[in-house]
N, C-alpha and C. Protein backbone atom coordinates (compact mmCIF):
# COMPACT_ATOMS: atom_id res chain seq x y z
N MET A 1 -80.37 -45.38 -54.91
CA MET A 1 -81.43 -46.17 -54.31
C MET A 1 -80.92 -47.51 -53.80
N GLU A 2 -79.79 -47.97 -54.35
CA GLU A 2 -79.23 -49.25 -53.92
C GLU A 2 -78.95 -49.27 -52.42
N ALA A 3 -78.46 -48.14 -51.89
CA ALA A 3 -78.14 -48.06 -50.45
C ALA A 3 -79.40 -48.18 -49.59
N CYS A 4 -80.54 -47.82 -50.11
CA CYS A 4 -81.79 -47.85 -49.34
C CYS A 4 -82.35 -49.25 -49.17
N LYS A 5 -81.89 -50.20 -49.96
CA LYS A 5 -82.46 -51.55 -49.91
C LYS A 5 -82.27 -52.23 -48.56
N GLY A 6 -81.24 -51.85 -47.81
CA GLY A 6 -80.99 -52.48 -46.52
C GLY A 6 -81.79 -51.90 -45.37
N TYR A 7 -82.65 -50.93 -45.66
CA TYR A 7 -83.39 -50.25 -44.60
C TYR A 7 -84.90 -50.42 -44.80
N SER A 8 -85.60 -50.46 -43.70
CA SER A 8 -87.06 -50.59 -43.75
C SER A 8 -87.70 -49.28 -43.33
N VAL A 9 -89.00 -49.20 -43.45
CA VAL A 9 -89.75 -48.05 -42.96
C VAL A 9 -89.52 -47.92 -41.45
N HIS A 10 -89.44 -49.04 -40.78
CA HIS A 10 -89.18 -49.06 -39.33
C HIS A 10 -87.83 -48.39 -39.03
N SER A 11 -86.80 -48.70 -39.83
CA SER A 11 -85.48 -48.08 -39.64
C SER A 11 -85.57 -46.57 -39.82
N PHE A 12 -86.33 -46.14 -40.82
CA PHE A 12 -86.48 -44.71 -41.07
C PHE A 12 -87.19 -44.02 -39.91
N ARG A 13 -88.21 -44.67 -39.34
CA ARG A 13 -88.92 -44.10 -38.20
C ARG A 13 -88.00 -43.98 -36.99
N ILE A 14 -87.14 -44.96 -36.78
CA ILE A 14 -86.17 -44.88 -35.68
C ILE A 14 -85.21 -43.72 -35.91
N TYR A 15 -84.71 -43.61 -37.16
CA TYR A 15 -83.83 -42.49 -37.48
C TYR A 15 -84.52 -41.16 -37.18
N LEU A 16 -85.76 -41.01 -37.64
CA LEU A 16 -86.49 -39.76 -37.40
C LEU A 16 -86.62 -39.47 -35.90
N ALA A 17 -86.97 -40.48 -35.14
CA ALA A 17 -87.12 -40.30 -33.69
C ALA A 17 -85.81 -39.85 -33.07
N CYS A 18 -84.71 -40.48 -33.46
CA CYS A 18 -83.39 -40.11 -32.92
C CYS A 18 -82.98 -38.71 -33.34
N ALA A 19 -83.20 -38.38 -34.62
CA ALA A 19 -82.82 -37.06 -35.12
C ALA A 19 -83.65 -35.96 -34.45
N LEU A 20 -84.94 -36.19 -34.30
CA LEU A 20 -85.79 -35.21 -33.63
C LEU A 20 -85.39 -35.04 -32.17
N CYS A 21 -85.05 -36.13 -31.53
CA CYS A 21 -84.60 -36.08 -30.13
C CYS A 21 -83.30 -35.26 -30.04
N ALA A 22 -82.36 -35.51 -30.95
CA ALA A 22 -81.09 -34.78 -30.97
C ALA A 22 -81.31 -33.29 -31.22
N ALA A 23 -82.37 -32.97 -31.98
CA ALA A 23 -82.70 -31.57 -32.28
C ALA A 23 -83.49 -30.91 -31.13
N LYS A 24 -83.66 -31.66 -30.04
CA LYS A 24 -84.36 -31.16 -28.84
C LYS A 24 -85.84 -30.90 -29.11
N CYS A 25 -86.43 -31.68 -30.00
CA CYS A 25 -87.86 -31.58 -30.28
C CYS A 25 -88.63 -32.08 -29.05
N LEU A 26 -89.72 -31.45 -28.74
CA LEU A 26 -90.54 -31.87 -27.59
C LEU A 26 -91.05 -33.29 -27.80
N MET A 27 -91.13 -34.06 -26.72
CA MET A 27 -91.60 -35.45 -26.81
C MET A 27 -92.97 -35.54 -27.47
N GLU A 28 -93.87 -34.65 -27.10
CA GLU A 28 -95.21 -34.69 -27.67
C GLU A 28 -95.20 -34.46 -29.18
N ARG A 29 -94.28 -33.60 -29.64
CA ARG A 29 -94.18 -33.34 -31.08
C ARG A 29 -93.62 -34.56 -31.81
N ILE A 30 -92.61 -35.19 -31.23
CA ILE A 30 -92.06 -36.40 -31.85
C ILE A 30 -93.16 -37.44 -31.98
N MET A 31 -93.93 -37.61 -30.92
CA MET A 31 -95.03 -38.57 -30.96
C MET A 31 -96.04 -38.21 -32.04
N ALA A 32 -96.34 -36.94 -32.17
CA ALA A 32 -97.31 -36.50 -33.18
C ALA A 32 -96.76 -36.71 -34.59
N ILE A 33 -95.50 -36.37 -34.80
CA ILE A 33 -94.90 -36.51 -36.12
C ILE A 33 -94.87 -37.97 -36.55
N LEU A 34 -94.56 -38.87 -35.62
CA LEU A 34 -94.44 -40.29 -35.95
C LEU A 34 -95.73 -41.07 -35.68
N CYS A 35 -96.80 -40.36 -35.30
CA CYS A 35 -98.11 -40.98 -35.06
C CYS A 35 -98.06 -42.07 -33.99
N TRP A 36 -97.32 -41.80 -32.92
CA TRP A 36 -97.27 -42.73 -31.80
C TRP A 36 -98.31 -42.32 -30.78
N LYS A 37 -98.99 -43.28 -30.20
CA LYS A 37 -100.06 -42.99 -29.25
C LYS A 37 -99.58 -43.00 -27.79
N ASN A 38 -98.39 -43.58 -27.54
CA ASN A 38 -97.92 -43.65 -26.16
C ASN A 38 -96.43 -43.34 -26.07
N LYS A 39 -96.01 -42.98 -24.88
CA LYS A 39 -94.62 -42.60 -24.66
C LYS A 39 -93.67 -43.79 -24.66
N GLU A 40 -94.19 -45.00 -24.52
CA GLU A 40 -93.33 -46.18 -24.51
C GLU A 40 -92.55 -46.30 -25.82
N SER A 41 -93.19 -46.03 -26.93
CA SER A 41 -92.51 -46.06 -28.23
C SER A 41 -91.38 -45.04 -28.26
N LEU A 42 -91.69 -43.86 -27.78
CA LEU A 42 -90.70 -42.79 -27.75
C LEU A 42 -89.50 -43.19 -26.91
N LEU A 43 -89.75 -43.77 -25.75
CA LEU A 43 -88.66 -44.15 -24.86
C LEU A 43 -87.79 -45.26 -25.45
N VAL A 44 -88.37 -46.10 -26.29
CA VAL A 44 -87.61 -47.18 -26.91
C VAL A 44 -86.83 -46.69 -28.12
N TYR A 45 -87.45 -45.90 -28.97
CA TYR A 45 -86.87 -45.58 -30.27
C TYR A 45 -86.14 -44.25 -30.37
N ALA A 46 -86.50 -43.26 -29.57
CA ALA A 46 -85.82 -41.96 -29.63
C ALA A 46 -84.56 -42.04 -28.77
N ARG A 47 -83.54 -42.65 -29.34
CA ARG A 47 -82.30 -42.93 -28.59
C ARG A 47 -81.38 -41.72 -28.56
N MET A 48 -80.68 -41.61 -27.46
CA MET A 48 -79.71 -40.55 -27.28
C MET A 48 -78.45 -40.88 -28.10
N ASN A 49 -77.87 -39.88 -28.75
CA ASN A 49 -76.63 -40.09 -29.48
C ASN A 49 -75.50 -40.42 -28.52
N ASP A 50 -74.52 -41.20 -29.00
CA ASP A 50 -73.39 -41.60 -28.17
C ASP A 50 -72.65 -40.39 -27.60
N GLY A 51 -72.49 -39.36 -28.43
CA GLY A 51 -71.78 -38.16 -27.97
C GLY A 51 -72.50 -37.46 -26.83
N GLU A 52 -73.82 -37.37 -26.92
CA GLU A 52 -74.59 -36.74 -25.84
C GLU A 52 -74.52 -37.58 -24.57
N ARG A 53 -74.62 -38.91 -24.74
CA ARG A 53 -74.52 -39.81 -23.59
C ARG A 53 -73.16 -39.63 -22.92
N SER A 54 -72.10 -39.57 -23.72
CA SER A 54 -70.75 -39.38 -23.17
C SER A 54 -70.63 -38.06 -22.44
N ASP A 55 -71.21 -36.99 -23.04
CA ASP A 55 -71.16 -35.68 -22.39
C ASP A 55 -71.83 -35.72 -21.02
N TRP A 56 -72.99 -36.40 -20.93
CA TRP A 56 -73.68 -36.50 -19.65
C TRP A 56 -72.85 -37.28 -18.64
N VAL A 57 -72.25 -38.39 -19.08
CA VAL A 57 -71.44 -39.20 -18.17
C VAL A 57 -70.23 -38.40 -17.69
N LEU A 58 -69.57 -37.70 -18.60
CA LEU A 58 -68.42 -36.89 -18.20
C LEU A 58 -68.83 -35.77 -17.25
N SER A 59 -70.00 -35.15 -17.50
CA SER A 59 -70.41 -34.06 -16.63
C SER A 59 -70.77 -34.55 -15.23
N LEU A 60 -71.28 -35.77 -15.12
CA LEU A 60 -71.63 -36.27 -13.80
C LEU A 60 -70.39 -36.53 -12.94
N MET A 61 -69.26 -36.74 -13.58
CA MET A 61 -68.03 -36.99 -12.84
C MET A 61 -67.54 -35.75 -12.09
N THR A 62 -68.04 -34.59 -12.45
CA THR A 62 -67.61 -33.36 -11.78
C THR A 62 -68.64 -32.86 -10.78
N GLN A 63 -69.73 -33.60 -10.60
CA GLN A 63 -70.80 -33.16 -9.72
C GLN A 63 -70.56 -33.62 -8.27
N THR A 64 -70.96 -32.80 -7.35
CA THR A 64 -70.92 -33.16 -5.94
C THR A 64 -72.33 -33.52 -5.51
N VAL A 65 -72.48 -34.70 -4.93
CA VAL A 65 -73.78 -35.14 -4.44
C VAL A 65 -73.72 -35.11 -2.92
N ASP A 66 -74.56 -34.26 -2.34
CA ASP A 66 -74.54 -34.14 -0.88
C ASP A 66 -75.94 -34.16 -0.28
N SER A 67 -76.84 -34.85 -0.95
CA SER A 67 -78.20 -34.94 -0.42
C SER A 67 -78.19 -35.77 0.86
N THR A 68 -79.24 -35.66 1.64
CA THR A 68 -79.31 -36.33 2.92
C THR A 68 -79.16 -37.84 2.78
N VAL A 69 -79.81 -38.42 1.79
CA VAL A 69 -79.74 -39.87 1.61
C VAL A 69 -78.34 -40.29 1.18
N ALA A 70 -77.75 -39.56 0.21
CA ALA A 70 -76.43 -39.92 -0.28
C ALA A 70 -75.35 -39.74 0.79
N ALA A 71 -75.59 -38.87 1.75
CA ALA A 71 -74.60 -38.65 2.80
C ALA A 71 -74.38 -39.90 3.64
N HIS A 72 -75.33 -40.82 3.65
CA HIS A 72 -75.22 -42.04 4.43
C HIS A 72 -74.47 -43.14 3.68
N LEU A 73 -74.17 -42.90 2.41
CA LEU A 73 -73.45 -43.91 1.64
C LEU A 73 -71.97 -43.88 1.99
N PRO A 74 -71.30 -45.01 1.88
CA PRO A 74 -69.86 -45.02 2.16
C PRO A 74 -69.11 -44.27 1.06
N LEU A 75 -67.98 -43.68 1.43
CA LEU A 75 -67.14 -43.01 0.43
C LEU A 75 -66.38 -44.07 -0.36
N LEU A 76 -66.32 -43.88 -1.65
CA LEU A 76 -65.62 -44.82 -2.52
C LEU A 76 -64.52 -44.10 -3.27
N ASP A 77 -63.41 -44.79 -3.48
CA ASP A 77 -62.35 -44.25 -4.32
C ASP A 77 -62.57 -44.81 -5.72
N ALA A 78 -63.13 -43.99 -6.57
CA ALA A 78 -63.52 -44.45 -7.90
C ALA A 78 -62.53 -44.01 -8.98
N ASP A 79 -61.33 -43.61 -8.59
CA ASP A 79 -60.37 -43.11 -9.58
C ASP A 79 -60.09 -44.12 -10.69
N ALA A 80 -59.87 -45.38 -10.33
CA ALA A 80 -59.57 -46.40 -11.34
C ALA A 80 -60.77 -46.62 -12.25
N TRP A 81 -61.97 -46.65 -11.68
CA TRP A 81 -63.18 -46.85 -12.47
C TRP A 81 -63.40 -45.69 -13.42
N VAL A 82 -63.23 -44.46 -12.92
CA VAL A 82 -63.41 -43.27 -13.76
C VAL A 82 -62.37 -43.25 -14.88
N ALA A 83 -61.13 -43.61 -14.58
CA ALA A 83 -60.09 -43.65 -15.61
C ALA A 83 -60.43 -44.67 -16.69
N ALA A 84 -60.92 -45.83 -16.28
CA ALA A 84 -61.29 -46.87 -17.26
C ALA A 84 -62.47 -46.39 -18.11
N LEU A 85 -63.45 -45.74 -17.49
CA LEU A 85 -64.60 -45.23 -18.22
C LEU A 85 -64.18 -44.15 -19.21
N GLN A 86 -63.32 -43.24 -18.78
CA GLN A 86 -62.84 -42.19 -19.68
C GLN A 86 -62.07 -42.79 -20.86
N GLU A 87 -61.27 -43.80 -20.61
CA GLU A 87 -60.52 -44.44 -21.69
C GLU A 87 -61.47 -45.13 -22.67
N SER A 88 -62.53 -45.78 -22.17
CA SER A 88 -63.48 -46.44 -23.07
C SER A 88 -64.25 -45.40 -23.88
N LEU A 89 -64.48 -44.22 -23.33
CA LEU A 89 -65.12 -43.15 -24.08
C LEU A 89 -64.19 -42.62 -25.17
N ARG A 90 -62.91 -42.42 -24.81
CA ARG A 90 -61.94 -41.92 -25.80
C ARG A 90 -61.72 -42.90 -26.94
N SER A 91 -61.66 -44.19 -26.62
CA SER A 91 -61.38 -45.20 -27.64
C SER A 91 -62.59 -45.52 -28.50
N GLY A 92 -63.78 -45.14 -28.04
CA GLY A 92 -64.99 -45.47 -28.78
C GLY A 92 -65.56 -46.82 -28.40
N GLU A 93 -64.90 -47.52 -27.49
CA GLU A 93 -65.34 -48.85 -27.08
C GLU A 93 -66.72 -48.82 -26.44
N LEU A 94 -66.99 -47.82 -25.62
CA LEU A 94 -68.29 -47.71 -24.95
C LEU A 94 -69.41 -47.51 -25.97
N GLY A 95 -69.20 -46.63 -26.95
CA GLY A 95 -70.21 -46.40 -27.98
C GLY A 95 -70.46 -47.65 -28.80
N ALA A 96 -69.38 -48.38 -29.14
CA ALA A 96 -69.52 -49.62 -29.92
C ALA A 96 -70.31 -50.65 -29.14
N ALA A 97 -70.04 -50.77 -27.85
CA ALA A 97 -70.77 -51.74 -27.02
C ALA A 97 -72.25 -51.36 -26.92
N THR A 98 -72.52 -50.06 -26.83
CA THR A 98 -73.91 -49.59 -26.76
C THR A 98 -74.64 -49.91 -28.05
N ARG A 99 -73.99 -49.62 -29.20
CA ARG A 99 -74.64 -49.91 -30.49
C ARG A 99 -74.88 -51.41 -30.64
N THR A 100 -73.93 -52.25 -30.22
CA THR A 100 -74.10 -53.69 -30.30
C THR A 100 -75.28 -54.14 -29.47
N ALA A 101 -75.40 -53.60 -28.26
CA ALA A 101 -76.51 -53.96 -27.38
C ALA A 101 -77.84 -53.51 -27.98
N GLU A 102 -77.87 -52.29 -28.55
CA GLU A 102 -79.11 -51.79 -29.13
C GLU A 102 -79.48 -52.57 -30.38
N ASP A 103 -78.48 -52.96 -31.20
CA ASP A 103 -78.75 -53.73 -32.41
C ASP A 103 -79.31 -55.11 -32.08
N GLY A 104 -78.90 -55.67 -30.95
CA GLY A 104 -79.33 -57.00 -30.58
C GLY A 104 -80.65 -57.04 -29.82
N ALA A 105 -81.16 -55.86 -29.49
CA ALA A 105 -82.41 -55.81 -28.71
C ALA A 105 -83.57 -56.31 -29.57
N ASP A 106 -84.44 -57.10 -28.97
CA ASP A 106 -85.61 -57.61 -29.66
C ASP A 106 -86.81 -56.79 -29.20
N ILE A 107 -87.09 -55.72 -29.96
CA ILE A 107 -88.13 -54.78 -29.56
C ILE A 107 -89.16 -54.70 -30.68
N ASP A 108 -90.44 -54.84 -30.32
CA ASP A 108 -91.51 -54.69 -31.29
C ASP A 108 -91.86 -53.23 -31.45
N ASP A 109 -92.22 -52.83 -32.65
CA ASP A 109 -92.68 -51.46 -32.91
C ASP A 109 -94.07 -51.30 -32.32
N ALA A 110 -94.19 -50.36 -31.38
CA ALA A 110 -95.47 -50.14 -30.70
C ALA A 110 -96.39 -49.21 -31.48
N ALA A 111 -95.96 -48.80 -32.64
CA ALA A 111 -96.76 -47.85 -33.42
C ALA A 111 -97.92 -48.55 -34.09
């Protein structure tokens, strides 16, 4: 029980929201389980895991975008940027920066 002293009910609700999101629970079910009345709470607290975020970022690097609007954009050589992003993912630096930003966020519980 000593380990639990550093956590609040609010922390537990955030954990539940994140775990349910990772388990691919429907948004409406997460809201019902946590007794949230609006999606704003869900969008704030049901955070994506760092690994899933990294997987999405890595997968977008292999996608070809050829929509009509994007075709008008200038071509960019993003090799250096992609290499730096991949290195920050491998080193864990990107995940650490994300956690630091999320820890510092001043967000009220909308529940």
